[in-house]
Amino acid sequence: TIIRERLRQGHRTSRYPKEEPTLPERFRGRPILKPERCP
């Protein structure tokens, strides 16, 4: 049963840093400033 469940769940460990992580839309990361738009 444990082996079947392990096969069903598959590989759960992130492939980072070989692959970039997929983060949700609401994630707030590094800010970007555009001073030319700031009057």
PDB file of all heavy atoms in Angstrom:
ATOM      1  N   THR A   1       0.830  -1.205   0.000  1.00  0.00           N
ATOM      2  CA  THR A   1       0.000   0.000   0.000  1.00  0.00           C
ATOM      3  C   THR A   1       0.866   1.259   0.000  1.00  0.00           C
ATOM      4  O   THR A   1       0.587   2.228  -0.718  1.00  0.00           O
ATOM      5  CB  THR A   1      -0.917   0.012   1.233  1.00  0.00           C
ATOM      6  OG1 THR A   1      -1.727  -1.165   1.217  1.00  0.00           O
ATOM      7  CG2 THR A   1      -1.820   1.243   1.228  1.00  0.00           C
ATOM      8  N   ILE A   2       1.923   1.241   0.789  1.00  0.00           N
ATOM      9  CA  ILE A   2       2.830   2.387   0.849  1.00  0.00           C
ATOM     10  C   ILE A   2       3.511   2.606  -0.502  1.00  0.00           C
ATOM     11  O   ILE A   2       3.632   3.736  -0.987  1.00  0.00           O
ATOM     12  CB  ILE A   2       3.883   2.166   1.953  1.00  0.00           C
ATOM     13  CG1 ILE A   2       3.213   2.152   3.326  1.00  0.00           C
ATOM     14  CG2 ILE A   2       4.965   3.260   1.890  1.00  0.00           C
ATOM     15  CD1 ILE A   2       4.159   1.812   4.461  1.00  0.00           C
ATOM     16  N   ILE A   3       3.949   1.541  -1.138  1.00  0.00           N
ATOM     17  CA  ILE A   3       4.614   1.640  -2.433  1.00  0.00           C
ATOM     18  C   ILE A   3       3.652   2.188  -3.488  1.00  0.00           C
ATOM     19  O   ILE A   3       4.018   3.052  -4.300  1.00  0.00           O
ATOM     20  CB  ILE A   3       5.170   0.263  -2.859  1.00  0.00           C
ATOM     21  CG1 ILE A   3       6.304  -0.154  -1.910  1.00  0.00           C
ATOM     22  CG2 ILE A   3       5.675   0.314  -4.305  1.00  0.00           C
ATOM     23  CD1 ILE A   3       6.806  -1.557  -2.151  1.00  0.00           C
ATOM     24  N   ARG A   4       2.403   1.686  -3.482  1.00  0.00           N
ATOM     25  CA  ARG A   4       1.412   2.175  -4.452  1.00  0.00           C
ATOM     26  C   ARG A   4       1.144   3.663  -4.255  1.00  0.00           C
ATOM     27  O   ARG A   4       1.048   4.428  -5.221  1.00  0.00           O
ATOM     28  CB  ARG A   4       0.110   1.383  -4.302  1.00  0.00           C
ATOM     29  CG  ARG A   4       0.127   0.008  -4.962  1.00  0.00           C
ATOM     30  CD  ARG A   4      -1.294  -0.514  -5.150  1.00  0.00           C
ATOM     31  NE  ARG A   4      -1.980  -0.642  -3.863  1.00  0.00           N
ATOM     32  CZ  ARG A   4      -2.003  -1.751  -3.139  1.00  0.00           C
ATOM     33  NH1 ARG A   4      -1.356  -2.834  -3.586  1.00  0.00           N
ATOM     34  NH2 ARG A   4      -2.646  -1.800  -1.992  1.00  0.00           N
ATOM     35  N   GLU A   5       1.041   4.073  -2.988  1.00  0.00           N
ATOM     36  CA  GLU A   5       0.776   5.485  -2.703  1.00  0.00           C
ATOM     37  C   GLU A   5       1.957   6.361  -3.126  1.00  0.00           C
ATOM     38  O   GLU A   5       1.767   7.460  -3.654  1.00  0.00           O
ATOM     39  CB  GLU A   5       0.489   5.673  -1.214  1.00  0.00           C
ATOM     40  CG  GLU A   5       0.136   7.103  -0.806  1.00  0.00           C
ATOM     41  CD  GLU A   5      -1.126   7.620  -1.486  1.00  0.00           C
ATOM     42  OE1 GLU A   5      -1.940   6.787  -1.955  1.00  0.00           O
ATOM     43  OE2 GLU A   5      -1.290   8.852  -1.538  1.00  0.00           O
ATOM     44  N   ARG A   6       3.166   5.847  -2.910  1.00  0.00           N
ATOM     45  CA  ARG A   6       4.358   6.596  -3.326  1.00  0.00           C
ATOM     46  C   ARG A   6       4.383   6.778  -4.837  1.00  0.00           C
ATOM     47  O   ARG A   6       4.716   7.852  -5.346  1.00  0.00           O
ATOM     48  CB  ARG A   6       5.612   5.843  -2.853  1.00  0.00           C
ATOM     49  CG  ARG A   6       6.916   6.565  -3.197  1.00  0.00           C
ATOM     50  CD  ARG A   6       7.018   7.864  -2.420  1.00  0.00           C
ATOM     51  NE  ARG A   6       8.223   8.589  -2.777  1.00  0.00           N
ATOM     52  CZ  ARG A   6       8.336   9.410  -3.819  1.00  0.00           C
ATOM     53  NH1 ARG A   6       7.294   9.606  -4.616  1.00  0.00           N
ATOM     54  NH2 ARG A   6       9.461  10.038  -4.070  1.00  0.00           N
ATOM     55  N   LEU A   7       4.023   5.732  -5.566  1.00  0.00           N
ATOM     56  CA  LEU A   7       3.979   5.825  -7.024  1.00  0.00           C
ATOM     57  C   LEU A   7       2.874   6.777  -7.481  1.00  0.00           C
ATOM     58  O   LEU A   7       3.036   7.509  -8.462  1.00  0.00           O
ATOM     59  CB  LEU A   7       3.757   4.430  -7.630  1.00  0.00           C
ATOM     60  CG  LEU A   7       4.932   3.452  -7.475  1.00  0.00           C
ATOM     61  CD1 LEU A   7       4.527   2.064  -7.963  1.00  0.00           C
ATOM     62  CD2 LEU A   7       6.153   3.946  -8.243  1.00  0.00           C
ATOM     63  N   ARG A   8       1.767   6.770  -6.751  1.00  0.00           N
ATOM     64  CA  ARG A   8       0.658   7.662  -7.125  1.00  0.00           C
ATOM     65  C   ARG A   8       1.037   9.131  -6.921  1.00  0.00           C
ATOM     66  O   ARG A   8       0.729   9.977  -7.766  1.00  0.00           O
ATOM     67  CB  ARG A   8      -0.574   7.335  -6.276  1.00  0.00           C
ATOM     68  CG  ARG A   8      -1.827   8.130  -6.681  1.00  0.00           C
ATOM     69  CD  ARG A   8      -2.956   7.924  -5.699  1.00  0.00           C
ATOM     70  NE  ARG A   8      -2.677   8.569  -4.412  1.00  0.00           N
ATOM     71  CZ  ARG A   8      -2.868   9.880  -4.196  1.00  0.00           C
ATOM     72  NH1 ARG A   8      -3.313  10.672  -5.170  1.00  0.00           N
ATOM     73  NH2 ARG A   8      -2.614  10.394  -3.014  1.00  0.00           N
ATOM     74  N   GLN A   9       1.710   9.406  -5.815  1.00  0.00           N
ATOM     75  CA  GLN A   9       2.067  10.792  -5.525  1.00  0.00           C
ATOM     76  C   GLN A   9       3.186  11.302  -6.429  1.00  0.00           C
ATOM     77  O   GLN A   9       3.236  12.485  -6.763  1.00  0.00           O
ATOM     78  CB  GLN A   9       2.507  10.920  -4.062  1.00  0.00           C
ATOM     79  CG  GLN A   9       1.368  10.732  -3.080  1.00  0.00           C
ATOM     80  CD  GLN A   9       1.778  11.105  -1.679  1.00  0.00           C
ATOM     81  OE1 GLN A   9       2.756  11.820  -1.459  1.00  0.00           O
ATOM     82  NE2 GLN A   9       1.032  10.608  -0.710  1.00  0.00           N
ATOM     83  N   GLY A  10       4.083  10.428  -6.838  1.00  0.00           N
ATOM     84  CA  GLY A  10       5.163  10.847  -7.719  1.00  0.00           C
ATOM     85  C   GLY A  10       6.232  11.652  -6.990  1.00  0.00           C
ATOM     86  O   GLY A  10       6.279  11.706  -5.762  1.00  0.00           O
ATOM     87  N   HIS A  11       7.073  12.344  -7.770  1.00  0.00           N
ATOM     88  CA  HIS A  11       8.212  13.101  -7.226  1.00  0.00           C
ATOM     89  C   HIS A  11       7.742  14.490  -6.828  1.00  0.00           C
ATOM     90  O   HIS A  11       7.249  15.250  -7.661  1.00  0.00           O
ATOM     91  CB  HIS A  11       9.304  13.204  -8.292  1.00  0.00           C
ATOM     92  CG  HIS A  11      10.575  13.791  -7.793  1.00  0.00           C
ATOM     93  ND1 HIS A  11      11.494  13.092  -7.036  1.00  0.00           N
ATOM     94  CD2 HIS A  11      11.097  15.040  -7.931  1.00  0.00           C
ATOM     95  CE1 HIS A  11      12.522  13.868  -6.732  1.00  0.00           C
ATOM     96  NE2 HIS A  11      12.308  15.050  -7.277  1.00  0.00           N
ATOM     97  N   ARG A  12       7.878  14.832  -5.559  1.00  0.00           N
ATOM     98  CA  ARG A  12       7.356  16.099  -5.055  1.00  0.00           C
ATOM     99  C   ARG A  12       8.435  17.161  -4.836  1.00  0.00           C
ATOM    100  O   ARG A  12       8.111  18.318  -4.612  1.00  0.00           O
ATOM    101  CB  ARG A  12       6.620  15.871  -3.735  1.00  0.00           C
ATOM    102  CG  ARG A  12       5.358  15.022  -3.852  1.00  0.00           C
ATOM    103  CD  ARG A  12       4.308  15.688  -4.724  1.00  0.00           C
ATOM    104  NE  ARG A  12       3.081  14.936  -4.784  1.00  0.00           N
ATOM    105  CZ  ARG A  12       2.042  15.123  -3.988  1.00  0.00           C
ATOM    106  NH1 ARG A  12       2.118  16.013  -3.017  1.00  0.00           N
ATOM    107  NH2 ARG A  12       0.944  14.415  -4.132  1.00  0.00           N
ATOM    108  N   THR A  13       9.695  16.798  -4.857  1.00  0.00           N
ATOM    109  CA  THR A  13      10.761  17.763  -4.582  1.00  0.00           C
ATOM    110  C   THR A  13      10.965  18.698  -5.777  1.00  0.00           C
ATOM    111  O   THR A  13      11.024  18.254  -6.918  1.00  0.00           O
ATOM    112  CB  THR A  13      12.083  17.043  -4.263  1.00  0.00           C
ATOM    113  OG1 THR A  13      11.876  16.171  -3.151  1.00  0.00           O
ATOM    114  CG2 THR A  13      13.170  18.042  -3.915  1.00  0.00           C
ATOM    115  N   SER A  14      11.057  19.978  -5.492  1.00  0.00           N
ATOM    116  CA  SER A  14      11.262  20.988  -6.530  1.00  0.00           C
ATOM    117  C   SER A  14      12.552  20.723  -7.302  1.00  0.00           C
ATOM    118  O   SER A  14      13.543  20.245  -6.736  1.00  0.00           O
ATOM    119  CB  SER A  14      11.322  22.370  -5.884  1.00  0.00           C
ATOM    120  OG  SER A  14      11.867  23.326  -6.757  1.00  0.00           O
ATOM    121  N   ARG A  15      12.557  21.063  -8.570  1.00  0.00           N
ATOM    122  CA  ARG A  15      13.762  20.911  -9.396  1.00  0.00           C
ATOM    123  C   ARG A  15      14.649  22.153  -9.350  1.00  0.00           C
ATOM    124  O   ARG A  15      15.618  22.254 -10.092  1.00  0.00           O
ATOM    125  CB  ARG A  15      13.372  20.596 -10.841  1.00  0.00           C
ATOM    126  CG  ARG A  15      12.620  19.277 -10.980  1.00  0.00           C
ATOM    127  CD  ARG A  15      12.389  18.919 -12.439  1.00  0.00           C
ATOM    128  NE  ARG A  15      11.604  17.701 -12.569  1.00  0.00           N
ATOM    129  CZ  ARG A  15      12.104  16.470 -12.492  1.00  0.00           C
ATOM    130  NH1 ARG A  15      13.397  16.327 -12.280  1.00  0.00           N
ATOM    131  NH2 ARG A  15      11.335  15.416 -12.606  1.00  0.00           N
ATOM    132  N   TYR A  16      14.293  23.080  -8.490  1.00  0.00           N
ATOM    133  CA  TYR A  16      15.121  24.273  -8.321  1.00  0.00           C
ATOM    134  C   TYR A  16      16.496  23.870  -7.762  1.00  0.00           C
ATOM    135  O   TYR A  16      16.570  23.007  -6.894  1.00  0.00           O
ATOM    136  CB  TYR A  16      14.431  25.238  -7.342  1.00  0.00           C
ATOM    137  CG  TYR A  16      15.140  26.545  -7.161  1.00  0.00           C
ATOM    138  CD1 TYR A  16      14.937  27.579  -8.055  1.00  0.00           C
ATOM    139  CD2 TYR A  16      16.015  26.747  -6.095  1.00  0.00           C
ATOM    140  CE1 TYR A  16      15.583  28.783  -7.892  1.00  0.00           C
ATOM    141  CE2 TYR A  16      16.674  27.943  -5.927  1.00  0.00           C
ATOM    142  CZ  TYR A  16      16.453  28.953  -6.836  1.00  0.00           C
ATOM    143  OH  TYR A  16      17.100  30.140  -6.688  1.00  0.00           O
ATOM    144  N   PRO A  17      17.598  24.427  -8.262  1.00  0.00           N
ATOM    145  CA  PRO A  17      17.710  25.576  -9.166  1.00  0.00           C
ATOM    146  C   PRO A  17      17.819  25.221 -10.656  1.00  0.00           C
ATOM    147  O   PRO A  17      18.036  26.113 -11.467  1.00  0.00           O
ATOM    148  CB  PRO A  17      18.990  26.235  -8.681  1.00  0.00           C
ATOM    149  CG  PRO A  17      19.841  25.091  -8.241  1.00  0.00           C
ATOM    150  CD  PRO A  17      18.894  24.089  -7.647  1.00  0.00           C
ATOM    151  N   LYS A  18      17.690  23.942 -11.009  1.00  0.00           N
ATOM    152  CA  LYS A  18      17.763  23.585 -12.423  1.00  0.00           C
ATOM    153  C   LYS A  18      16.593  24.167 -13.202  1.00  0.00           C
ATOM    154  O   LYS A  18      16.719  24.473 -14.394  1.00  0.00           O
ATOM    155  CB  LYS A  18      17.787  22.065 -12.576  1.00  0.00           C
ATOM    156  CG  LYS A  18      19.067  21.409 -12.082  1.00  0.00           C
ATOM    157  CD  LYS A  18      19.049  19.914 -12.325  1.00  0.00           C
ATOM    158  CE  LYS A  18      20.349  19.268 -11.849  1.00  0.00           C
ATOM    159  NZ  LYS A  18      20.347  17.797 -12.068  1.00  0.00           N
ATOM    160  N   GLU A  19      15.459  24.310 -12.535  1.00  0.00           N
ATOM    161  CA  GLU A  19      14.287  24.922 -13.147  1.00  0.00           C
ATOM    162  C   GLU A  19      13.798  26.048 -12.253  1.00  0.00           C
ATOM    163  O   GLU A  19      13.793  25.920 -11.037  1.00  0.00           O
ATOM    164  CB  GLU A  19      13.172  23.884 -13.334  1.00  0.00           C
ATOM    165  CG  GLU A  19      13.494  22.790 -14.316  1.00  0.00           C
ATOM    166  CD  GLU A  19      12.351  21.792 -14.466  1.00  0.00           C
ATOM    167  OE1 GLU A  19      11.256  22.059 -13.901  1.00  0.00           O
ATOM    168  OE2 GLU A  19      12.561  20.762 -15.115  1.00  0.00           O
ATOM    169  N   GLU A  20      13.386  27.155 -12.868  1.00  0.00           N
ATOM    170  CA  GLU A  20      12.873  28.279 -12.101  1.00  0.00           C
ATOM    171  C   GLU A  20      11.540  27.913 -11.461  1.00  0.00           C
ATOM    172  O   GLU A  20      10.734  27.208 -12.053  1.00  0.00           O
ATOM    173  CB  GLU A  20      12.686  29.508 -12.995  1.00  0.00           C
ATOM    174  CG  GLU A  20      13.993  30.170 -13.393  1.00  0.00           C
ATOM    175  CD  GLU A  20      14.715  30.746 -12.190  1.00  0.00           C
ATOM    176  OE1 GLU A  20      14.107  31.543 -11.448  1.00  0.00           O
ATOM    177  OE2 GLU A  20      15.889  30.387 -11.973  1.00  0.00           O
ATOM    178  N   PRO A  21      11.288  28.371 -10.234  1.00  0.00           N
ATOM    179  CA  PRO A  21      10.031  28.039  -9.566  1.00  0.00           C
ATOM    180  C   PRO A  21       8.851  28.768 -10.197  1.00  0.00           C
ATOM    181  O   PRO A  21       9.006  29.870 -10.738  1.00  0.00           O
ATOM    182  CB  PRO A  21      10.259  28.517  -8.131  1.00  0.00           C
ATOM    183  CG  PRO A  21      11.249  29.623  -8.261  1.00  0.00           C
ATOM    184  CD  PRO A  21      12.155  29.211  -9.388  1.00  0.00           C
ATOM    185  N   THR A  22       7.690  28.156 -10.132  1.00  0.00           N
ATOM    186  CA  THR A  22       6.461  28.787 -10.590  1.00  0.00           C
ATOM    187  C   THR A  22       5.745  29.350  -9.371  1.00  0.00           C
ATOM    188  O   THR A  22       5.285  28.603  -8.507  1.00  0.00           O
ATOM    189  CB  THR A  22       5.545  27.781 -11.306  1.00  0.00           C
ATOM    190  OG1 THR A  22       6.251  27.227 -12.426  1.00  0.00           O
ATOM    191  CG2 THR A  22       4.281  28.449 -11.797  1.00  0.00           C
ATOM    192  N   LEU A  23       5.682  30.663  -9.287  1.00  0.00           N
ATOM    193  CA  LEU A  23       5.095  31.328  -8.134  1.00  0.00           C
ATOM    194  C   LEU A  23       3.718  31.878  -8.483  1.00  0.00           C
ATOM    195  O   LEU A  23       3.444  32.211  -9.639  1.00  0.00           O
ATOM    196  CB  LEU A  23       6.007  32.454  -7.657  1.00  0.00           C
ATOM    197  CG  LEU A  23       7.392  31.982  -7.185  1.00  0.00           C
ATOM    198  CD1 LEU A  23       8.314  33.162  -6.960  1.00  0.00           C
ATOM    199  CD2 LEU A  23       7.271  31.165  -5.918  1.00  0.00           C
ATOM    200  N   PRO A  24       2.816  31.978  -7.513  1.00  0.00           N
ATOM    201  CA  PRO A  24       1.447  32.429  -7.794  1.00  0.00           C
ATOM    202  C   PRO A  24       1.390  33.880  -8.243  1.00  0.00           C
ATOM    203  O   PRO A  24       2.303  34.671  -7.969  1.00  0.00           O
ATOM    204  CB  PRO A  24       0.730  32.230  -6.452  1.00  0.00           C
ATOM    205  CG  PRO A  24       1.825  32.254  -5.437  1.00  0.00           C
ATOM    206  CD  PRO A  24       3.019  31.649  -6.091  1.00  0.00           C
ATOM    207  N   GLU A  25       0.303  34.244  -8.902  1.00  0.00           N
ATOM    208  CA  GLU A  25       0.136  35.602  -9.409  1.00  0.00           C
ATOM    209  C   GLU A  25       0.205  36.641  -8.298  1.00  0.00           C
ATOM    210  O   GLU A  25       0.691  37.746  -8.506  1.00  0.00           O
ATOM    211  CB  GLU A  25      -1.207  35.713 -10.143  1.00  0.00           C
ATOM    212  CG  GLU A  25      -1.269  34.966 -11.472  1.00  0.00           C
ATOM    213  CD  GLU A  25      -0.444  35.649 -12.554  1.00  0.00           C
ATOM    214  OE1 GLU A  25      -0.137  36.847 -12.396  1.00  0.00           O
ATOM    215  OE2 GLU A  25      -0.112  34.978 -13.554  1.00  0.00           O
ATOM    216  N   ARG A  26      -0.295  36.284  -7.133  1.00  0.00           N
ATOM    217  CA  ARG A  26      -0.338  37.257  -6.045  1.00  0.00           C
ATOM    218  C   ARG A  26       0.996  37.423  -5.322  1.00  0.00           C
ATOM    219  O   ARG A  26       1.112  38.264  -4.428  1.00  0.00           O
ATOM    220  CB  ARG A  26      -1.416  36.865  -5.040  1.00  0.00           C
ATOM    221  CG  ARG A  26      -1.147  35.560  -4.315  1.00  0.00           C
ATOM    222  CD  ARG A  26      -2.278  35.241  -3.344  1.00  0.00           C
ATOM    223  NE  ARG A  26      -2.015  34.005  -2.602  1.00  0.00           N
ATOM    224  CZ  ARG A  26      -2.801  33.545  -1.637  1.00  0.00           C
ATOM    225  NH1 ARG A  26      -3.887  34.209  -1.314  1.00  0.00           N
ATOM    226  NH2 ARG A  26      -2.500  32.413  -1.020  1.00  0.00           N
ATOM    227  N   PHE A  27       2.007  36.640  -5.690  1.00  0.00           N
ATOM    228  CA  PHE A  27       3.312  36.753  -5.052  1.00  0.00           C
ATOM    229  C   PHE A  27       3.929  38.116  -5.352  1.00  0.00           C
ATOM    230  O   PHE A  27       3.944  38.569  -6.495  1.00  0.00           O
ATOM    231  CB  PHE A  27       4.244  35.640  -5.545  1.00  0.00           C
ATOM    232  CG  PHE A  27       5.665  35.791  -5.075  1.00  0.00           C
ATOM    233  CD1 PHE A  27       6.000  35.580  -3.752  1.00  0.00           C
ATOM    234  CD2 PHE A  27       6.667  36.174  -5.962  1.00  0.00           C
ATOM    235  CE1 PHE A  27       7.304  35.728  -3.304  1.00  0.00           C
ATOM    236  CE2 PHE A  27       7.973  36.323  -5.532  1.00  0.00           C
ATOM    237  CZ  PHE A  27       8.291  36.098  -4.195  1.00  0.00           C
ATOM    238  N   ARG A  28       4.462  38.757  -4.320  1.00  0.00           N
ATOM    239  CA  ARG A  28       5.113  40.056  -4.472  1.00  0.00           C
ATOM    240  C   ARG A  28       6.614  39.871  -4.337  1.00  0.00           C
ATOM    241  O   ARG A  28       7.119  39.630  -3.244  1.00  0.00           O
ATOM    242  CB  ARG A  28       4.602  41.037  -3.420  1.00  0.00           C
ATOM    243  CG  ARG A  28       3.130  41.376  -3.576  1.00  0.00           C
ATOM    244  CD  ARG A  28       2.611  42.145  -2.388  1.00  0.00           C
ATOM    245  NE  ARG A  28       1.174  42.324  -2.466  1.00  0.00           N
ATOM    246  CZ  ARG A  28       0.410  42.651  -1.427  1.00  0.00           C
ATOM    247  NH1 ARG A  28       0.968  42.841  -0.239  1.00  0.00           N
ATOM    248  NH2 ARG A  28      -0.894  42.785  -1.577  1.00  0.00           N
ATOM    249  N   GLY A  29       7.292  39.998  -5.469  1.00  0.00           N
ATOM    250  CA  GLY A  29       8.733  39.844  -5.489  1.00  0.00           C
ATOM    251  C   GLY A  29       9.435  41.175  -5.634  1.00  0.00           C
ATOM    252  O   GLY A  29       8.958  42.199  -5.161  1.00  0.00           O
ATOM    253  N   ARG A  30      10.583  41.149  -6.302  1.00  0.00           N
ATOM    254  CA  ARG A  30      11.403  42.349  -6.399  1.00  0.00           C
ATOM    255  C   ARG A  30      10.643  43.502  -7.052  1.00  0.00           C
ATOM    256  O   ARG A  30      10.112  43.364  -8.159  1.00  0.00           O
ATOM    257  CB  ARG A  30      12.659  42.072  -7.199  1.00  0.00           C
ATOM    258  CG  ARG A  30      13.678  43.210  -7.139  1.00  0.00           C
ATOM    259  CD  ARG A  30      14.756  43.078  -8.184  1.00  0.00           C
ATOM    260  NE  ARG A  30      15.402  41.776  -8.127  1.00  0.00           N
ATOM    261  CZ  ARG A  30      16.316  41.368  -9.010  1.00  0.00           C
ATOM    262  NH1 ARG A  30      16.658  42.163 -10.010  1.00  0.00           N
ATOM    263  NH2 ARG A  30      16.869  40.179  -8.897  1.00  0.00           N
ATOM    264  N   PRO A  31      10.588  44.671  -6.406  1.00  0.00           N
ATOM    265  CA  PRO A  31       9.886  45.828  -6.979  1.00  0.00           C
ATOM    266  C   PRO A  31      10.587  46.358  -8.220  1.00  0.00           C
ATOM    267  O   PRO A  31      11.814  46.261  -8.353  1.00  0.00           O
ATOM    268  CB  PRO A  31       9.913  46.865  -5.845  1.00  0.00           C
ATOM    269  CG  PRO A  31      10.212  46.081  -4.609  1.00  0.00           C
ATOM    270  CD  PRO A  31      11.071  44.941  -5.043  1.00  0.00           C
ATOM    271  N   ILE A  32       9.801  46.916  -9.108  1.00  0.00           N
ATOM    272  CA  ILE A  32      10.324  47.551 -10.319  1.00  0.00           C
ATOM    273  C   ILE A  32       9.890  49.012 -10.314  1.00  0.00           C
ATOM    274  O   ILE A  32       8.699  49.318 -10.221  1.00  0.00           O
ATOM    275  CB  ILE A  32       9.803  46.850 -11.587  1.00  0.00           C
ATOM    276  CG1 ILE A  32      10.320  45.407 -11.640  1.00  0.00           C
ATOM    277  CG2 ILE A  32      10.227  47.615 -12.842  1.00  0.00           C
ATOM    278  CD1 ILE A  32       9.783  44.611 -12.816  1.00  0.00           C
ATOM    279  N   LEU A  33      10.872  49.908 -10.378  1.00  0.00           N
ATOM    280  CA  LEU A  33      10.585  51.338 -10.408  1.00  0.00           C
ATOM    281  C   LEU A  33      10.761  51.869 -11.827  1.00  0.00           C
ATOM    282  O   LEU A  33      11.704  51.496 -12.524  1.00  0.00           O
ATOM    283  CB  LEU A  33      11.521  52.094  -9.464  1.00  0.00           C
ATOM    284  CG  LEU A  33      11.518  51.687  -7.985  1.00  0.00           C
ATOM    285  CD1 LEU A  33      12.436  52.602  -7.189  1.00  0.00           C
ATOM    286  CD2 LEU A  33      10.130  51.701  -7.411  1.00  0.00           C
ATOM    287  N   LYS A  34       9.850  52.734 -12.235  1.00  0.00           N
ATOM    288  CA  LYS A  34       9.940  53.397 -13.534  1.00  0.00           C
ATOM    289  C   LYS A  34       9.909  54.902 -13.294  1.00  0.00           C
ATOM    290  O   LYS A  34       8.847  55.527 -13.352  1.00  0.00           O
ATOM    291  CB  LYS A  34       8.790  52.945 -14.434  1.00  0.00           C
ATOM    292  CG  LYS A  34       8.851  51.455 -14.768  1.00  0.00           C
ATOM    293  CD  LYS A  34       7.762  51.054 -15.746  1.00  0.00           C
ATOM    294  CE  LYS A  34       7.897  49.571 -16.113  1.00  0.00           C
ATOM    295  NZ  LYS A  34       6.847  49.140 -17.068  1.00  0.00           N
ATOM    296  N   PRO A  35      11.071  55.486 -13.016  1.00  0.00           N
ATOM    297  CA  PRO A  35      11.126  56.904 -12.633  1.00  0.00           C
ATOM    298  C   PRO A  35      10.620  57.848 -13.711  1.00  0.00           C
ATOM    299  O   PRO A  35      10.165  58.956 -13.387  1.00  0.00           O
ATOM    300  CB  PRO A  35      12.617  57.128 -12.347  1.00  0.00           C
ATOM    301  CG  PRO A  35      13.333  56.024 -13.062  1.00  0.00           C
ATOM    302  CD  PRO A  35      12.399  54.862 -13.044  1.00  0.00           C
ATOM    303  N   GLU A  36      10.684  57.435 -14.972  1.00  0.00           N
ATOM    304  CA  GLU A  36      10.216  58.315 -16.043  1.00  0.00           C
ATOM    305  C   GLU A  36       8.708  58.551 -15.969  1.00  0.00           C
ATOM    306  O   GLU A  36       8.186  59.522 -16.546  1.00  0.00           O
ATOM    307  CB  GLU A  36      10.588  57.731 -17.415  1.00  0.00           C
ATOM    308  CG  GLU A  36       9.867  56.447 -17.810  1.00  0.00           C
ATOM    309  CD  GLU A  36      10.479  55.191 -17.222  1.00  0.00           C
ATOM    310  OE1 GLU A  36      11.450  55.317 -16.447  1.00  0.00           O
ATOM    311  OE2 GLU A  36       9.992  54.096 -17.558  1.00  0.00           O
ATOM    312  N   ARG A  37       8.006  57.692 -15.267  1.00  0.00           N
ATOM    313  CA  ARG A  37       6.562  57.850 -15.121  1.00  0.00           C
ATOM    314  C   ARG A  37       6.176  58.651 -13.892  1.00  0.00           C
ATOM    315  O   ARG A  37       4.995  58.935 -13.680  1.00  0.00           O
ATOM    316  CB  ARG A  37       5.889  56.475 -15.041  1.00  0.00           C
ATOM    317  CG  ARG A  37       5.989  55.653 -16.310  1.00  0.00           C
ATOM    318  CD  ARG A  37       5.139  54.405 -16.194  1.00  0.00           C
ATOM    319  NE  ARG A  37       5.184  53.603 -17.403  1.00  0.00           N
ATOM    320  CZ  ARG A  37       4.481  52.481 -17.585  1.00  0.00           C
ATOM    321  NH1 ARG A  37       3.685  52.046 -16.626  1.00  0.00           N
ATOM    322  NH2 ARG A  37       4.574  51.810 -18.710  1.00  0.00           N
ATOM    323  N   CYS A  38       7.139  58.980 -13.076  1.00  0.00           N
ATOM    324  CA  CYS A  38       6.866  59.672 -11.817  1.00  0.00           C
ATOM    325  C   CYS A  38       6.978  61.181 -12.022  1.00  0.00           C
ATOM    326  O   CYS A  38       8.093  61.710 -12.174  1.00  0.00           O
ATOM    327  CB  CYS A  38       7.855  59.205 -10.752  1.00  0.00           C
ATOM    328  SG  CYS A  38       7.444  59.786  -9.091  1.00  0.00           S
ATOM    329  N   PRO A  39       5.867  61.908 -12.049  1.00  0.00           N
ATOM    330  CA  PRO A  39       5.933  63.348 -12.299  1.00  0.00           C
ATOM    331  C   PRO A  39       6.494  64.111 -11.106  1.00  0.00           C
ATOM    332  O   PRO A  39       6.393  63.672  -9.957  1.00  0.00           O
ATOM    333  CB  PRO A  39       4.470  63.721 -12.551  1.00  0.00           C
ATOM    334  CG  PRO A  39       3.693  62.704 -11.794  1.00  0.00           C
ATOM    335  CD  PRO A  39       4.495  61.438 -11.863  1.00  0.00           C
TER     336      PRO A  39
END
